[in-house]
């Protein structure tokens, strides 16, 4: 009885030397079949105490050849604590969240194209263009917000797909507004537009050029908005991975 009491006291004393997270890490490795010596080496826990944990868990040892299995090792590297209270994932999330509301170059590009599309909607539909512009803006702002949020990356992909659809629609608004602007100022354009008589009918020489230029501008603006959201999603993921290393 005395011997048993001494062993229990030694076990309690040993357990107090390590954090609960470290002990849990060791237990998980033992349950997966890692040898006690290897667990002790990785966790820094005394080998005798690791064997005591193995005995309590009734864990079976795996074959030595599997100890260095890369997939299993990757699982348990993620379990190893950075400190007693924090792990890399929360730290990475905090850093990503900190930059969520910052204004980047891509934000400026994104919101400039959004404002231009809204101007096109309002120019085309007058005050009826206001509700269209509001819905369009809110969806795009939400999509960009998700792109910066590390906790919503799967949903952010859905938002990115929505941006593609809405930017195809916005392309018509871009085309309309820039075509209208160029025709309102056609005399100052770098190419000459003039009325000519052909086959007894009055036509415009180079009259198709303002439309094609407007289409090119629309493609550039819509593609820029899609690029801004997609790149923001990828940058957010890279920051999280780098912060977690």
C-alpha atoms as a PDB file:
ATOM      1  CA  UNK A   1       0.000   0.000   0.000  1.00  0.00           C
ATOM      2  CA  UNK A   2       2.817   2.357   0.881  1.00  0.00           C
ATOM      3  CA  UNK A   3       4.528   1.635  -2.426  1.00  0.00           C
ATOM      4  CA  UNK A   4       1.290   2.287  -4.338  1.00  0.00           C
ATOM      5  CA  UNK A   5       0.754   5.586  -2.509  1.00  0.00           C
ATOM      6  CA  UNK A   6       4.289   6.700  -3.359  1.00  0.00           C
ATOM      7  CA  UNK A   7       3.715   5.901  -7.071  1.00  0.00           C
ATOM      8  CA  UNK A   8       0.430   7.847  -7.087  1.00  0.00           C
ATOM      9  CA  UNK A   9       2.117  10.829  -5.425  1.00  0.00           C
ATOM     10  CA  UNK A  10       4.937  10.676  -7.983  1.00  0.00           C
ATOM     11  CA  UNK A  11       2.407  10.561 -10.835  1.00  0.00           C
ATOM     12  CA  UNK A  12       0.541  13.619  -9.531  1.00  0.00           C
ATOM     13  CA  UNK A  13       3.816  15.492  -9.065  1.00  0.00           C
ATOM     14  CA  UNK A  14       4.904  14.584 -12.589  1.00  0.00           C
ATOM     15  CA  UNK A  15       1.563  15.604 -14.110  1.00  0.00           C
ATOM     16  CA  UNK A  16       1.810  19.058 -12.540  1.00  0.00           C
ATOM     17  CA  UNK A  17       5.057  19.656 -14.458  1.00  0.00           C
ATOM     18  CA  UNK A  18       3.213  19.699 -17.811  1.00  0.00           C
ATOM     19  CA  UNK A  19       0.265  21.639 -19.175  1.00  0.00           C
ATOM     20  CA  UNK A  20      -3.034  19.978 -19.972  1.00  0.00           C
ATOM     21  CA  UNK A  21      -2.493  20.750 -23.662  1.00  0.00           C
ATOM     22  CA  UNK A  22       0.882  18.980 -23.709  1.00  0.00           C
ATOM     23  CA  UNK A  23      -0.532  15.923 -21.926  1.00  0.00           C
ATOM     24  CA  UNK A  24      -3.464  15.803 -24.338  1.00  0.00           C
ATOM     25  CA  UNK A  25      -1.049  16.000 -27.253  1.00  0.00           C
ATOM     26  CA  UNK A  26       0.911  13.061 -25.845  1.00  0.00           C
ATOM     27  CA  UNK A  27      -2.258  11.029 -25.267  1.00  0.00           C
ATOM     28  CA  UNK A  28      -3.437  11.581 -28.821  1.00  0.00           C
ATOM     29  CA  UNK A  29      -0.076  10.418 -30.182  1.00  0.00           C
ATOM     30  CA  UNK A  30      -0.173   7.318 -27.983  1.00  0.00           C
ATOM     31  CA  UNK A  31      -3.694   6.479 -29.157  1.00  0.00           C
ATOM     32  CA  UNK A  32      -2.465   6.696 -32.747  1.00  0.00           C
ATOM     33  CA  UNK A  33       0.211   4.130 -31.927  1.00  0.00           C
ATOM     34  CA  UNK A  34       3.378   6.196 -31.539  1.00  0.00           C
ATOM     35  CA  UNK A  35       6.071   4.607 -29.373  1.00  0.00           C
ATOM     36  CA  UNK A  36       6.432   6.140 -25.866  1.00  0.00           C
ATOM     37  CA  UNK A  37      10.079   7.039 -26.552  1.00  0.00           C
ATOM     38  CA  UNK A  38       9.073   8.963 -29.662  1.00  0.00           C
ATOM     39  CA  UNK A  39       6.212  10.699 -27.844  1.00  0.00           C
ATOM     40  CA  UNK A  40       8.571  11.710 -25.020  1.00  0.00           C
ATOM     41  CA  UNK A  41      11.037  13.100 -27.570  1.00  0.00           C
ATOM     42  CA  UNK A  42       8.393  15.166 -29.372  1.00  0.00           C
ATOM     43  CA  UNK A  43       6.457  16.476 -26.381  1.00  0.00           C
ATOM     44  CA  UNK A  44       9.293  16.871 -23.864  1.00  0.00           C
ATOM     45  CA  UNK A  45       7.428  14.759 -21.300  1.00  0.00           C
ATOM     46  CA  UNK A  46       9.414  12.360 -19.110  1.00  0.00           C
ATOM     47  CA  UNK A  47       9.607   8.882 -20.671  1.00  0.00           C
ATOM     48  CA  UNK A  48       8.394   7.153 -17.509  1.00  0.00           C
ATOM     49  CA  UNK A  49       5.324   9.348 -17.341  1.00  0.00           C
ATOM     50  CA  UNK A  50       4.592   8.722 -21.023  1.00  0.00           C
ATOM     51  CA  UNK A  51       4.666   4.963 -20.353  1.00  0.00           C
ATOM     52  CA  UNK A  52       2.251   5.549 -17.445  1.00  0.00           C
ATOM     53  CA  UNK A  53      -0.105   7.401 -19.804  1.00  0.00           C
ATOM     54  CA  UNK A  54       0.177   4.570 -22.342  1.00  0.00           C
ATOM     55  CA  UNK A  55      -0.672   2.013 -19.651  1.00  0.00           C
ATOM     56  CA  UNK A  56      -3.729   4.010 -18.557  1.00  0.00           C
ATOM     57  CA  UNK A  57      -4.976   4.457 -22.097  1.00  0.00           C
ATOM     58  CA  UNK A  58      -4.357   0.823 -23.023  1.00  0.00           C
ATOM     59  CA  UNK A  59      -2.853   2.118 -26.277  1.00  0.00           C
ATOM     60  CA  UNK A  60      -1.185  -0.298 -28.683  1.00  0.00           C
ATOM     61  CA  UNK A  61       2.085   0.534 -30.367  1.00  0.00           C
ATOM     62  CA  UNK A  62       2.181   0.806 -34.131  1.00  0.00           C
ATOM     63  CA  UNK A  63       4.802  -0.771 -36.339  1.00  0.00           C
ATOM     64  CA  UNK A  64       8.117   1.170 -36.223  1.00  0.00           C
ATOM     65  CA  UNK A  65       8.011   1.729 -39.980  1.00  0.00           C
ATOM     66  CA  UNK A  66       4.882   3.871 -39.619  1.00  0.00           C
ATOM     67  CA  UNK A  67       6.287   6.179 -36.978  1.00  0.00           C
ATOM     68  CA  UNK A  68       7.567   8.539 -39.648  1.00  0.00           C
ATOM     69  CA  UNK A  69       4.396   8.478 -41.741  1.00  0.00           C
ATOM     70  CA  UNK A  70       4.252  12.024 -43.156  1.00  0.00           C
ATOM     71  CA  UNK A  71       0.475  12.403 -42.973  1.00  0.00           C
ATOM     72  CA  UNK A  72       0.350  11.387 -39.283  1.00  0.00           C
ATOM     73  CA  UNK A  73       3.261  13.657 -38.416  1.00  0.00           C
ATOM     74  CA  UNK A  74       1.524  16.605 -40.036  1.00  0.00           C
ATOM     75  CA  UNK A  75      -1.546  15.971 -37.879  1.00  0.00           C
ATOM     76  CA  UNK A  76       0.395  16.106 -34.646  1.00  0.00           C
ATOM     77  CA  UNK A  77       2.603  19.048 -35.537  1.00  0.00           C
ATOM     78  CA  UNK A  78      -0.671  21.027 -35.672  1.00  0.00           C
ATOM     79  CA  UNK A  79      -1.514  19.848 -32.121  1.00  0.00           C
ATOM     80  CA  UNK A  80       1.752  21.086 -30.620  1.00  0.00           C
ATOM     81  CA  UNK A  81       1.038  24.267 -28.610  1.00  0.00           C
ATOM     82  CA  UNK A  82       2.898  27.502 -29.211  1.00  0.00           C
ATOM     83  CA  UNK A  83       2.124  28.648 -25.665  1.00  0.00           C
ATOM     84  CA  UNK A  84      -0.001  27.367 -22.830  1.00  0.00           C
ATOM     85  CA  UNK A  85      -3.061  29.335 -23.950  1.00  0.00           C
ATOM     86  CA  UNK A  86      -2.673  30.107 -27.659  1.00  0.00           C
ATOM     87  CA  UNK A  87      -2.217  28.109 -30.853  1.00  0.00           C
ATOM     88  CA  UNK A  88      -1.171  29.376 -34.311  1.00  0.00           C
ATOM     89  CA  UNK A  89      -4.703  29.301 -35.759  1.00  0.00           C
ATOM     90  CA  UNK A  90      -6.233  31.905 -33.380  1.00  0.00           C
ATOM     91  CA  UNK A  91      -3.174  34.141 -33.793  1.00  0.00           C
ATOM     92  CA  UNK A  92      -3.485  33.923 -37.589  1.00  0.00           C
ATOM     93  CA  UNK A  93      -7.200  34.642 -37.397  1.00  0.00           C
ATOM     94  CA  UNK A  94      -6.602  37.718 -35.243  1.00  0.00           C
ATOM     95  CA  UNK A  95      -4.050  39.088 -37.730  1.00  0.00           C
ATOM     96  CA  UNK A  96      -6.365  38.464 -40.675  1.00  0.00           C
ATOM     97  CA  UNK A  97      -9.306  40.089 -38.885  1.00  0.00           C
ATOM     98  CA  UNK A  98      -7.154  43.112 -38.019  1.00  0.00           C
ATOM     99  CA  UNK A  99      -6.698  43.876 -41.733  1.00  0.00           C
ATOM    100  CA  UNK A 100     -10.291  43.199 -42.681  1.00  0.00           C
ATOM    101  CA  UNK A 101     -11.399  46.839 -42.502  1.00  0.00           C
ATOM    102  CA  UNK A 102      -8.199  48.370 -43.868  1.00  0.00           C
ATOM    103  CA  UNK A 103      -8.284  50.103 -47.262  1.00  0.00           C
ATOM    104  CA  UNK A 104      -5.937  48.496 -49.788  1.00  0.00           C
ATOM    105  CA  UNK A 105      -5.138  49.277 -53.415  1.00  0.00           C
ATOM    106  CA  UNK A 106      -7.474  46.496 -54.519  1.00  0.00           C
ATOM    107  CA  UNK A 107     -10.263  48.029 -52.415  1.00  0.00           C
ATOM    108  CA  UNK A 108      -9.872  51.313 -54.282  1.00  0.00           C
ATOM    109  CA  UNK A 109      -9.970  49.513 -57.640  1.00  0.00           C
ATOM    110  CA  UNK A 110     -13.015  47.507 -56.576  1.00  0.00           C
ATOM    111  CA  UNK A 111     -15.073  50.416 -55.258  1.00  0.00           C
ATOM    112  CA  UNK A 112     -14.143  52.650 -58.209  1.00  0.00           C
ATOM    113  CA  UNK A 113     -15.559  50.102 -60.647  1.00  0.00           C
ATOM    114  CA  UNK A 114     -18.634  49.721 -58.416  1.00  0.00           C
ATOM    115  CA  UNK A 115     -19.260  53.487 -58.411  1.00  0.00           C
ATOM    116  CA  UNK A 116     -18.832  53.632 -62.195  1.00  0.00           C
ATOM    117  CA  UNK A 117     -21.401  50.865 -62.689  1.00  0.00           C
ATOM    118  CA  UNK A 118     -23.844  52.672 -60.381  1.00  0.00           C
ATOM    119  CA  UNK A 119     -23.373  55.832 -62.455  1.00  0.00           C
ATOM    120  CA  UNK A 120     -24.249  53.765 -65.533  1.00  0.00           C
ATOM    121  CA  UNK A 121     -27.403  52.354 -63.929  1.00  0.00           C
ATOM    122  CA  UNK A 122     -28.584  55.811 -62.859  1.00  0.00           C
ATOM    123  CA  UNK A 123     -27.742  57.342 -66.255  1.00  0.00           C
ATOM    124  CA  UNK A 124     -29.686  54.616 -68.052  1.00  0.00           C
ATOM    125  CA  UNK A 125     -32.723  54.351 -65.762  1.00  0.00           C
ATOM    126  CA  UNK A 126     -32.746  57.736 -63.994  1.00  0.00           C
ATOM    127  CA  UNK A 127     -34.049  57.427 -60.412  1.00  0.00           C
ATOM    128  CA  UNK A 128     -35.169  53.834 -61.095  1.00  0.00           C
ATOM    129  CA  UNK A 129     -31.481  53.075 -61.258  1.00  0.00           C
ATOM    130  CA  UNK A 130     -31.104  53.871 -57.529  1.00  0.00           C
ATOM    131  CA  UNK A 131     -32.559  50.600 -56.141  1.00  0.00           C
ATOM    132  CA  UNK A 132     -30.582  48.625 -58.734  1.00  0.00           C
ATOM    133  CA  UNK A 133     -27.403  50.461 -57.703  1.00  0.00           C
ATOM    134  CA  UNK A 134     -28.098  49.904 -54.007  1.00  0.00           C
ATOM    135  CA  UNK A 135     -28.610  46.133 -54.350  1.00  0.00           C
ATOM    136  CA  UNK A 136     -25.586  45.831 -56.642  1.00  0.00           C
ATOM    137  CA  UNK A 137     -23.380  47.790 -54.237  1.00  0.00           C
ATOM    138  CA  UNK A 138     -24.469  45.909 -51.105  1.00  0.00           C
ATOM    139  CA  UNK A 139     -23.815  42.496 -52.669  1.00  0.00           C
ATOM    140  CA  UNK A 140     -20.377  43.519 -53.914  1.00  0.00           C
ATOM    141  CA  UNK A 141     -19.403  45.142 -50.595  1.00  0.00           C
ATOM    142  CA  UNK A 142     -20.468  41.970 -48.763  1.00  0.00           C
ATOM    143  CA  UNK A 143     -18.443  39.828 -51.180  1.00  0.00           C
ATOM    144  CA  UNK A 144     -15.317  41.916 -50.586  1.00  0.00           C
ATOM    145  CA  UNK A 145     -15.879  41.742 -46.819  1.00  0.00           C
ATOM    146  CA  UNK A 146     -16.030  37.934 -46.952  1.00  0.00           C
ATOM    147  CA  UNK A 147     -12.899  37.850 -49.103  1.00  0.00           C
ATOM    148  CA  UNK A 148     -10.996  39.500 -46.224  1.00  0.00           C
ATOM    149  CA  UNK A 149     -12.495  37.308 -43.491  1.00  0.00           C
ATOM    150  CA  UNK A 150     -10.366  34.232 -42.726  1.00  0.00           C
ATOM    151  CA  UNK A 151     -13.307  32.485 -41.064  1.00  0.00           C
ATOM    152  CA  UNK A 152     -15.521  32.712 -44.169  1.00  0.00           C
ATOM    153  CA  UNK A 153     -13.238  31.582 -46.982  1.00  0.00           C
ATOM    154  CA  UNK A 154     -15.579  28.899 -48.371  1.00  0.00           C
ATOM    155  CA  UNK A 155     -18.457  31.362 -48.452  1.00  0.00           C
ATOM    156  CA  UNK A 156     -16.094  33.942 -49.952  1.00  0.00           C
ATOM    157  CA  UNK A 157     -15.738  31.703 -53.017  1.00  0.00           C
ATOM    158  CA  UNK A 158     -19.514  31.884 -53.447  1.00  0.00           C
ATOM    159  CA  UNK A 159     -19.323  35.666 -53.123  1.00  0.00           C
ATOM    160  CA  UNK A 160     -16.576  35.718 -55.760  1.00  0.00           C
ATOM    161  CA  UNK A 161     -18.829  33.773 -58.150  1.00  0.00           C
ATOM    162  CA  UNK A 162     -21.637  36.273 -57.496  1.00  0.00           C
ATOM    163  CA  UNK A 163     -19.265  39.135 -58.342  1.00  0.00           C
ATOM    164  CA  UNK A 164     -18.542  37.535 -61.726  1.00  0.00           C
ATOM    165  CA  UNK A 165     -22.261  37.362 -62.540  1.00  0.00           C
ATOM    166  CA  UNK A 166     -22.950  40.918 -61.371  1.00  0.00           C
ATOM    167  CA  UNK A 167     -19.930  42.295 -63.228  1.00  0.00           C
ATOM    168  CA  UNK A 168     -21.190  40.778 -66.483  1.00  0.00           C
ATOM    169  CA  UNK A 169     -24.408  42.753 -65.918  1.00  0.00           C
ATOM    170  CA  UNK A 170     -22.423  45.822 -64.851  1.00  0.00           C
ATOM    171  CA  UNK A 171     -20.479  45.581 -68.122  1.00  0.00           C
ATOM    172  CA  UNK A 172     -23.604  46.735 -69.969  1.00  0.00           C
ATOM    173  CA  UNK A 173     -23.864  49.742 -67.638  1.00  0.00           C
ATOM    174  CA  UNK A 174     -20.191  50.572 -68.205  1.00  0.00           C
ATOM    175  CA  UNK A 175     -20.675  50.299 -71.962  1.00  0.00           C
ATOM    176  CA  UNK A 176     -23.753  52.518 -71.917  1.00  0.00           C
ATOM    177  CA  UNK A 177     -22.256  55.305 -69.829  1.00  0.00           C
ATOM    178  CA  UNK A 178     -18.927  55.487 -71.700  1.00  0.00           C
ATOM    179  CA  UNK A 179     -20.602  55.250 -75.105  1.00  0.00           C
ATOM    180  CA  UNK A 180     -22.879  58.136 -74.073  1.00  0.00           C
ATOM    181  CA  UNK A 181     -19.968  60.210 -72.789  1.00  0.00           C
ATOM    182  CA  UNK A 182     -17.958  59.728 -75.979  1.00  0.00           C
ATOM    183  CA  UNK A 183     -20.877  60.638 -78.223  1.00  0.00           C
ATOM    184  CA  UNK A 184     -21.523  63.738 -76.104  1.00  0.00           C
ATOM    185  CA  UNK A 185     -17.907  64.761 -76.685  1.00  0.00           C
ATOM    186  CA  UNK A 186     -17.212  63.131 -80.061  1.00  0.00           C
ATOM    187  CA  UNK A 187     -15.543  66.247 -81.473  1.00  0.00           C
ATOM    188  CA  UNK A 188     -12.748  66.002 -78.894  1.00  0.00           C
ATOM    189  CA  UNK A 189     -12.009  62.306 -79.483  1.00  0.00           C
ATOM    190  CA  UNK A 190      -8.611  61.302 -80.924  1.00  0.00           C
ATOM    191  CA  UNK A 191     -10.328  59.879 -84.019  1.00  0.00           C
ATOM    192  CA  UNK A 192     -12.580  61.831 -86.364  1.00  0.00           C
ATOM    193  CA  UNK A 193     -16.320  61.223 -86.401  1.00  0.00           C
ATOM    194  CA  UNK A 194     -18.312  63.019 -89.045  1.00  0.00           C
ATOM    195  CA  UNK A 195     -21.503  62.701 -91.027  1.00  0.00           C
ATOM    196  CA  UNK A 196     -21.167  61.519 -94.624  1.00  0.00           C
ATOM    197  CA  UNK A 197     -23.656  60.685 -97.355  1.00  0.00           C
ATOM    198  CA  UNK A 198     -23.405  57.155 -98.697  1.00  0.00           C
ATOM    199  CA  UNK A 199     -25.859  55.747-101.198  1.00  0.00           C
ATOM    200  CA  UNK A 200     -28.139  58.662-100.610  1.00  0.00           C
ATOM    201  CA  UNK A 201     -28.218  58.074 -96.860  1.00  0.00           C
ATOM    202  CA  UNK A 202     -26.604  60.117 -94.095  1.00  0.00           C
ATOM    203  CA  UNK A 203     -24.247  57.996 -91.973  1.00  0.00           C
ATOM    204  CA  UNK A 204     -21.496  58.571 -89.466  1.00  0.00           C
ATOM    205  CA  UNK A 205     -17.918  57.945 -90.511  1.00  0.00           C
ATOM    206  CA  UNK A 206     -16.200  55.981 -87.670  1.00  0.00           C
ATOM    207  CA  UNK A 207     -19.576  55.954 -85.916  1.00  0.00           C
ATOM    208  CA  UNK A 208     -18.948  52.452 -84.552  1.00  0.00           C
ATOM    209  CA  UNK A 209     -15.703  53.335 -82.798  1.00  0.00           C
ATOM    210  CA  UNK A 210     -17.188  54.936 -79.639  1.00  0.00           C
ATOM    211  CA  UNK A 211     -19.170  51.744 -78.979  1.00  0.00           C
ATOM    212  CA  UNK A 212     -16.166  49.453 -79.383  1.00  0.00           C
ATOM    213  CA  UNK A 213     -14.035  51.680 -77.163  1.00  0.00           C
ATOM    214  CA  UNK A 214     -16.820  51.668 -74.552  1.00  0.00           C
ATOM    215  CA  UNK A 215     -16.956  47.843 -74.697  1.00  0.00           C
ATOM    216  CA  UNK A 216     -13.187  47.638 -74.137  1.00  0.00           C
ATOM    217  CA  UNK A 217     -13.442  49.972 -71.143  1.00  0.00           C
ATOM    218  CA  UNK A 218     -16.342  47.935 -69.748  1.00  0.00           C
ATOM    219  CA  UNK A 219     -14.351  44.693 -70.031  1.00  0.00           C
ATOM    220  CA  UNK A 220     -11.375  46.271 -68.260  1.00  0.00           C
ATOM    221  CA  UNK A 221     -13.477  47.636 -65.396  1.00  0.00           C
ATOM    222  CA  UNK A 222     -15.520  44.468 -64.853  1.00  0.00           C
ATOM    223  CA  UNK A 223     -12.417  42.269 -65.059  1.00  0.00           C
ATOM    224  CA  UNK A 224     -10.688  44.560 -62.546  1.00  0.00           C
ATOM    225  CA  UNK A 225     -13.501  44.095 -60.017  1.00  0.00           C
ATOM    226  CA  UNK A 226     -13.395  40.291 -60.402  1.00  0.00           C
ATOM    227  CA  UNK A 227      -9.596  40.330 -60.103  1.00  0.00           C
ATOM    228  CA  UNK A 228      -9.752  42.457 -56.953  1.00  0.00           C
ATOM    229  CA  UNK A 229     -12.093  40.055 -55.134  1.00  0.00           C
ATOM    230  CA  UNK A 230     -10.365  36.864 -56.312  1.00  0.00           C
ATOM    231  CA  UNK A 231      -6.896  38.167 -55.427  1.00  0.00           C
ATOM    232  CA  UNK A 232      -8.090  39.366 -52.003  1.00  0.00           C
ATOM    233  CA  UNK A 233      -9.388  35.847 -51.242  1.00  0.00           C
ATOM    234  CA  UNK A 234      -6.038  34.305 -52.215  1.00  0.00           C
ATOM    235  CA  UNK A 235      -4.034  36.917 -50.273  1.00  0.00           C
ATOM    236  CA  UNK A 236      -6.121  36.291 -47.141  1.00  0.00           C
ATOM    237  CA  UNK A 237      -5.440  32.547 -47.334  1.00  0.00           C
ATOM    238  CA  UNK A 238      -1.710  33.081 -47.855  1.00  0.00           C
ATOM    239  CA  UNK A 239      -1.485  35.437 -44.871  1.00  0.00           C
ATOM    240  CA  UNK A 240      -3.172  32.862 -42.647  1.00  0.00           C
ATOM    241  CA  UNK A 241      -0.829  30.080 -43.795  1.00  0.00           C
ATOM    242  CA  UNK A 242       2.265  32.248 -43.329  1.00  0.00           C
ATOM    243  CA  UNK A 243       1.123  33.460 -39.892  1.00  0.00           C
ATOM    244  CA  UNK A 244       0.487  29.901 -38.761  1.00  0.00           C
ATOM    245  CA  UNK A 245       4.038  28.753 -39.605  1.00  0.00           C
END
